[in-house]
Amino acid sequence: MEDIADASEYTRRTLYAYFNSRDEICLLVFIEDMVARWAEQQKAIAAADDGLSKVLAFGKSFYEFARGNPHSMRLHLYWDLKGVGRSRVSEDTFCSFEKINNELAEGLRDIFQVGVRDGSIRPDLQVDISISQYLYSLRSILNRAISAAYSFASFDADEYVEHYLDLLSRAIRNPKR
């Protein structure tokens, strides 16, 4: 909180008047990012023709957002590792997080179900398990693609993400189409 206070030119006391903790400040930034990202993803999803294309549009638009907002990927990883605890944030902040998080999950669930219904995605796919695996693996791939950290492999970030999305589409595509 001391670093945040210094950077914002407020005292720690002033920050605590508005926020419960550093976690709450981080979560509020994270929520703002999620809302902006979801708005971009919804545009990309709406432009796609079938369920499989919508799933891929979700991933591609997430990548575009992450490239423009690399701090957002760091926050995703932070919350993936740490989790969001109600005791560290106000009830209003947690409810805001829960609302956008649930909206994103429902949106992704819907596009997977569209794909199952329209035949572009395998009919035997377990949707809830698949959306969870997709989100966690996609975030890891995007983090690696935009990160300047050391990697044992050298690659073009765009090609890296495209390759991942191609693998995903091969795994979930309905083979009868």
Protein backbone atom coordinates (compact mmCIF):
# COMPACT_ATOMS: atom_id res chain seq x y z
CA MET A 1 0.00 0.00 0.00
CA GLU A 2 2.95 2.29 0.66
CA ASP A 3 4.10 2.01 -2.97
CA ILE A 4 0.57 2.63 -4.24
CA ALA A 5 0.22 5.63 -1.94
CA ASP A 6 3.52 7.07 -3.16
CA ALA A 7 2.66 6.52 -6.82
CA SER A 8 -0.80 8.04 -6.44
CA GLU A 9 0.42 10.88 -4.23
CA TYR A 10 -2.06 9.98 -1.52
CA THR A 11 -1.35 8.87 2.00
CA ARG A 12 -1.91 5.28 3.05
CA ARG A 13 -4.62 6.56 5.38
CA THR A 14 -6.45 8.13 2.43
CA LEU A 15 -6.20 4.92 0.42
CA TYR A 16 -7.61 2.91 3.30
CA ALA A 17 -10.53 5.32 3.46
CA TYR A 18 -11.53 4.13 -0.03
CA PHE A 19 -10.13 0.59 -0.28
CA ASN A 20 -9.87 -2.33 2.13
CA SER A 21 -6.51 -3.55 0.84
CA ARG A 22 -4.03 -3.72 -2.00
CA ASP A 23 -5.96 -6.76 -3.20
CA GLU A 24 -9.09 -4.66 -3.53
CA ILE A 25 -7.28 -2.08 -5.66
CA CYS A 26 -5.85 -4.83 -7.88
CA LEU A 27 -9.24 -6.51 -8.15
CA LEU A 28 -10.92 -3.24 -9.15
CA VAL A 29 -8.38 -2.79 -11.96
CA PHE A 30 -8.91 -6.44 -12.93
CA ILE A 31 -12.69 -5.94 -13.05
CA GLU A 32 -12.29 -2.87 -15.24
CA ASP A 33 -10.08 -4.87 -17.60
CA MET A 34 -12.51 -7.79 -17.70
CA VAL A 35 -15.41 -5.48 -18.61
CA ALA A 36 -13.42 -3.84 -21.42
CA ARG A 37 -12.13 -7.19 -22.72
CA TRP A 38 -15.57 -8.80 -22.67
CA ALA A 39 -17.00 -5.88 -24.67
CA GLU A 40 -14.33 -6.46 -27.35
CA GLN A 41 -14.85 -10.22 -27.28
CA GLN A 42 -18.60 -9.85 -27.73
CA LYS A 43 -18.04 -7.84 -30.93
CA ALA A 44 -15.69 -10.50 -32.29
CA ILE A 45 -18.04 -13.32 -31.31
CA ALA A 46 -21.02 -11.60 -32.96
CA ALA A 47 -19.10 -11.36 -36.25
CA ALA A 48 -18.33 -15.11 -36.32
CA ASP A 49 -20.58 -17.51 -38.24
CA ASP A 50 -20.77 -20.72 -36.22
CA GLY A 51 -20.01 -21.93 -32.71
CA LEU A 52 -16.48 -23.11 -33.45
CA SER A 53 -15.66 -19.79 -35.13
CA LYS A 54 -17.09 -17.97 -32.11
CA VAL A 55 -14.88 -19.98 -29.73
CA LEU A 56 -11.84 -19.07 -31.82
CA ALA A 57 -12.95 -15.42 -32.04
CA PHE A 58 -13.11 -15.38 -28.24
CA GLY A 59 -9.47 -16.51 -28.09
CA LYS A 60 -8.22 -14.19 -30.84
CA SER A 61 -9.91 -11.15 -29.32
CA PHE A 62 -8.53 -12.07 -25.89
CA TYR A 63 -5.05 -12.11 -27.47
CA GLU A 64 -5.58 -8.70 -29.08
CA PHE A 65 -6.73 -7.30 -25.74
CA ALA A 66 -3.80 -8.87 -23.89
CA ARG A 67 -1.30 -7.41 -26.37
CA GLY A 68 -2.67 -3.94 -25.72
CA ASN A 69 -3.04 -4.49 -21.97
CA PRO A 70 -0.20 -6.74 -20.77
CA HIS A 71 -0.85 -5.76 -17.15
CA SER A 72 -4.19 -7.50 -17.48
CA MET A 73 -2.50 -10.86 -18.12
CA ARG A 74 -0.32 -10.38 -15.04
CA LEU A 75 -3.46 -9.70 -12.99
CA HIS A 76 -5.10 -12.84 -14.42
CA LEU A 77 -2.15 -14.95 -13.38
CA TYR A 78 -2.02 -13.29 -9.97
CA TRP A 79 -5.67 -14.13 -9.31
CA ASP A 80 -5.30 -17.63 -10.78
CA LEU A 81 -2.53 -18.32 -8.29
CA LYS A 82 -3.81 -16.41 -5.31
CA GLY A 83 -7.56 -16.61 -5.74
CA VAL A 84 -10.04 -13.92 -4.81
CA GLY A 85 -10.81 -13.94 -1.11
CA ARG A 86 -13.88 -12.16 0.18
CA SER A 87 -12.07 -11.23 3.38
CA ARG A 88 -9.55 -9.06 1.50
CA VAL A 89 -12.07 -7.01 -0.51
CA SER A 90 -15.35 -5.24 0.14
CA GLU A 91 -18.58 -7.07 -0.55
CA ASP A 92 -19.43 -4.59 -3.35
CA THR A 93 -16.10 -5.21 -5.07
CA PHE A 94 -16.45 -8.97 -4.77
CA CYS A 95 -20.00 -8.82 -6.17
CA SER A 96 -18.76 -6.74 -9.11
CA PHE A 97 -16.05 -9.32 -9.77
CA GLU A 98 -18.48 -12.20 -9.45
CA LYS A 99 -20.96 -10.54 -11.82
CA ILE A 100 -18.51 -9.98 -14.70
CA ASN A 101 -16.78 -13.33 -14.12
CA ASN A 102 -20.11 -15.16 -14.28
CA GLU A 103 -21.15 -13.16 -17.35
CA LEU A 104 -17.93 -14.15 -19.12
CA ALA A 105 -18.33 -17.81 -18.16
CA GLU A 106 -21.97 -17.85 -19.32
CA GLY A 107 -20.99 -16.16 -22.58
CA LEU A 108 -18.31 -18.75 -23.24
CA ARG A 109 -20.64 -21.58 -22.22
CA ASP A 110 -23.24 -20.21 -24.66
CA ILE A 111 -20.86 -20.13 -27.62
CA PHE A 112 -19.68 -23.68 -26.95
CA GLN A 113 -23.33 -24.79 -26.78
CA VAL A 114 -24.08 -22.94 -30.03
CA GLY A 115 -21.30 -24.96 -31.63
CA VAL A 116 -22.68 -28.24 -30.31
CA ARG A 117 -26.17 -27.30 -31.58
CA ASP A 118 -25.02 -26.12 -35.02
CA GLY A 119 -22.77 -29.17 -35.42
CA SER A 120 -19.46 -27.28 -35.65
CA ILE A 121 -18.32 -28.63 -32.24
CA ARG A 122 -18.27 -32.29 -31.20
CA PRO A 123 -21.61 -33.34 -29.71
CA ASP A 124 -19.90 -35.40 -26.96
CA LEU A 125 -17.96 -32.42 -25.59
CA GLN A 126 -18.36 -31.78 -21.87
CA VAL A 127 -18.96 -28.03 -22.11
CA ASP A 128 -18.32 -26.95 -18.51
CA ILE A 129 -15.05 -28.87 -18.28
CA SER A 130 -14.01 -27.62 -21.71
CA ILE A 131 -14.63 -23.93 -20.99
CA SER A 132 -12.61 -24.15 -17.79
CA GLN A 133 -9.73 -25.87 -19.56
CA TYR A 134 -9.93 -23.42 -22.45
CA LEU A 135 -9.78 -20.37 -20.21
CA TYR A 136 -6.87 -21.57 -18.08
CA SER A 137 -4.82 -22.85 -21.00
CA LEU A 138 -5.59 -19.78 -23.13
CA ARG A 139 -4.42 -17.44 -20.37
CA SER A 140 -1.18 -19.40 -20.03
CA ILE A 141 -0.60 -19.32 -23.78
CA LEU A 142 -1.33 -15.60 -23.98
CA ASN A 143 0.94 -14.86 -21.05
CA ARG A 144 3.79 -16.74 -22.70
CA ALA A 145 3.10 -15.05 -26.05
CA ILE A 146 3.23 -11.50 -24.69
CA SER A 147 5.79 -12.03 -21.95
CA ALA A 148 9.35 -10.85 -22.36
CA ALA A 149 10.49 -13.48 -19.86
CA TYR A 150 12.96 -16.17 -20.82
CA SER A 151 11.65 -19.10 -22.82
CA PHE A 152 13.57 -22.18 -24.00
CA ALA A 153 11.83 -21.82 -27.38
CA SER A 154 11.87 -18.84 -29.69
CA PHE A 155 8.70 -18.11 -31.60
CA ASP A 156 6.62 -15.39 -33.19
CA ALA A 157 3.84 -14.47 -30.74
CA ASP A 158 1.11 -14.36 -33.39
CA GLU A 159 2.15 -17.74 -34.77
CA TYR A 160 2.32 -19.18 -31.25
CA VAL A 161 -1.28 -18.15 -30.48
CA GLU A 162 -2.55 -19.24 -33.91
CA HIS A 163 -0.94 -22.65 -33.44
CA TYR A 164 -2.63 -23.06 -30.04
CA LEU A 165 -6.02 -22.06 -31.46
CA ASP A 166 -5.53 -24.46 -34.37
CA LEU A 167 -4.79 -27.30 -31.94
CA LEU A 168 -7.86 -26.39 -29.91
CA SER A 169 -10.10 -26.27 -32.97
CA ARG A 170 -8.85 -29.70 -34.09
CA ALA A 171 -9.67 -31.10 -30.64
CA ILE A 172 -13.20 -29.73 -30.40
CA ARG A 173 -14.26 -29.64 -34.08
CA ASN A 174 -17.01 -32.05 -35.01
CA PRO A 175 -15.24 -34.64 -37.21
CA LYS A 176 -18.46 -35.32 -39.09
CA ARG A 177 -18.48 -31.83 -40.58
